[in-house]
Amino acid sequence: MGPISSARPSEFQSSLSGDSTGLAVVQAAIKVLSGAAAGREVPLTKVVTTIGKPGVAVAAITRRQQAFVVHHVEGVAKPTLNGSPVGTDPVSLKNGDVIELAGTQMQFIHS
C-alpha cells in the first residue's frame, strides 16, 4: 500500500490562523476530481494560487477579502467554470463550483 498523502503537514499549518495581509484566513480548497491526482485536496492558503502546468494551461485563484475568483493566466486552452469558458477577467467562485483545466476537473470548496 502506498503513502496516504505526499503533502507535509507543515505546508498547511498557516491555514489555521491569520496571515501577513491581516485578513482572516477563510477555509477554502480545491479538490481534484479527475486525473492522476484525483481525490487530492489542496488548501487555498495564499492570496494567489496558480493551478495547471506552465506552457500548457495555467489559471489563478485569488482570495479577495471573503471571496475567491479564478482567471486564465496562460495556455491555448482556457479553463472552464461549470462548463463556461473563463478568460482573463476574474470570475467569482462559489462553493461546489467545478473548474476544468487541461482535462482535469477540480471542485472549489468554501466553508
Protein backbone atom coordinates (compact mmCIF):
# COMPACT_ATOMS: atom_id res chain seq x y z
CA MET A 1 0.00 0.00 0.00
CA GLY A 2 1.37 3.42 -0.94
CA PRO A 3 1.59 6.54 1.21
CA ILE A 4 -1.68 8.18 2.18
CA SER A 5 -0.53 11.67 1.27
CA SER A 6 2.63 13.18 -0.16
CA ALA A 7 1.92 16.56 1.46
CA ARG A 8 3.87 17.58 4.52
CA PRO A 9 1.67 18.84 7.40
CA SER A 10 3.92 21.87 7.90
CA GLU A 11 2.92 23.18 4.45
CA PHE A 12 -0.68 23.67 5.57
CA GLN A 13 -0.34 24.98 9.13
CA SER A 14 -0.71 28.61 8.03
CA SER A 15 -4.37 27.94 7.17
CA LEU A 16 -5.22 27.71 10.86
CA SER A 17 -4.55 31.35 11.77
CA GLY A 18 -4.24 34.79 10.19
CA ASP A 19 -1.72 35.71 7.54
CA SER A 20 0.67 38.59 6.86
CA THR A 21 -2.00 40.59 4.99
CA GLY A 22 -4.03 40.92 8.19
CA LEU A 23 -7.02 39.20 6.58
CA ALA A 24 -8.75 36.45 8.46
CA VAL A 25 -8.00 33.15 6.80
CA VAL A 26 -11.05 31.69 5.08
CA GLN A 27 -11.19 27.92 4.82
CA ALA A 28 -11.16 27.06 1.12
CA ALA A 29 -9.66 24.32 -1.01
CA ILE A 30 -9.60 22.76 -4.44
CA LYS A 31 -10.47 19.06 -4.60
CA VAL A 32 -9.16 17.24 -7.66
CA LEU A 33 -11.96 15.16 -9.21
CA SER A 34 -10.17 13.56 -12.18
CA GLY A 35 -6.71 12.73 -13.46
CA ALA A 36 -3.62 11.34 -11.73
CA ALA A 37 -4.19 13.41 -8.55
CA ALA A 38 -7.91 12.55 -8.18
CA GLY A 39 -9.03 12.75 -4.56
CA ARG A 40 -6.29 15.17 -3.52
CA GLU A 41 -7.43 18.30 -1.71
CA VAL A 42 -5.28 21.44 -1.87
CA PRO A 43 -5.97 24.16 0.73
CA LEU A 44 -6.02 27.72 -0.68
CA THR A 45 -3.81 29.41 1.91
CA LYS A 46 -2.09 32.03 -0.28
CA VAL A 47 -3.54 35.23 -1.70
CA VAL A 48 -2.89 33.83 -5.21
CA THR A 49 -2.71 30.12 -6.03
CA THR A 50 -1.87 29.03 -9.56
CA ILE A 51 -3.12 25.74 -10.93
CA GLY A 52 -2.16 23.91 -14.09
CA LYS A 53 1.04 23.28 -15.99
CA PRO A 54 3.20 26.14 -17.35
CA GLY A 55 3.34 26.07 -21.13
CA VAL A 56 0.11 24.05 -21.33
CA ALA A 57 -2.60 25.79 -19.31
CA VAL A 58 -2.43 27.90 -16.13
CA ALA A 59 -5.20 29.57 -14.13
CA ALA A 60 -5.01 31.61 -10.94
CA ILE A 61 -7.33 31.54 -7.94
CA THR A 62 -7.15 34.78 -5.96
CA ARG A 63 -8.51 35.48 -2.49
CA ARG A 64 -10.31 38.83 -2.18
CA GLN A 65 -11.35 39.51 1.43
CA GLN A 66 -14.04 36.84 1.97
CA ALA A 67 -14.38 35.77 -1.68
CA PHE A 68 -12.33 33.91 -4.29
CA VAL A 69 -12.05 34.49 -8.04
CA VAL A 70 -10.49 32.50 -10.89
CA HIS A 71 -9.00 33.70 -14.18
CA HIS A 72 -6.96 32.39 -17.13
CA VAL A 73 -3.21 33.12 -16.97
CA GLU A 74 -1.59 31.28 -19.89
CA GLY A 75 -2.03 28.49 -22.41
CA VAL A 76 -4.11 27.93 -25.52
CA ALA A 77 -6.86 26.04 -23.74
CA LYS A 78 -8.83 28.26 -21.38
CA PRO A 79 -10.20 26.86 -18.14
CA THR A 80 -13.94 26.40 -17.73
CA LEU A 81 -16.09 27.13 -14.71
CA ASN A 82 -19.20 24.93 -14.56
CA GLY A 83 -18.80 24.37 -18.32
CA SER A 84 -18.39 28.06 -19.31
CA PRO A 85 -15.03 29.37 -20.58
CA VAL A 86 -13.05 31.62 -18.22
CA GLY A 87 -10.98 34.43 -19.73
CA THR A 88 -8.52 36.88 -18.24
CA ASP A 89 -11.27 38.74 -16.37
CA PRO A 90 -11.73 37.30 -12.85
CA VAL A 91 -14.89 35.26 -12.25
CA SER A 92 -16.28 34.74 -8.72
CA LEU A 93 -16.20 31.24 -7.26
CA LYS A 94 -18.96 29.66 -5.17
CA ASN A 95 -18.84 26.54 -3.01
CA GLY A 96 -19.22 23.47 -5.25
CA ASP A 97 -18.13 25.15 -8.50
CA VAL A 98 -16.29 22.84 -10.91
CA ILE A 99 -13.19 24.15 -12.68
CA GLU A 100 -11.78 22.20 -15.62
CA LEU A 101 -8.24 22.91 -16.77
CA ALA A 102 -6.36 20.89 -19.39
CA GLY A 103 -8.72 17.94 -18.98
CA THR A 104 -8.57 17.84 -15.18
CA GLN A 105 -11.68 18.62 -13.16
CA MET A 106 -11.44 20.29 -9.75
CA GLN A 107 -14.11 21.37 -7.29
CA PHE A 108 -13.91 24.61 -5.31
CA ILE A 109 -14.78 24.02 -1.65
CA HIS A 110 -15.51 27.04 0.55
CA SER A 111 -16.71 26.73 4.12
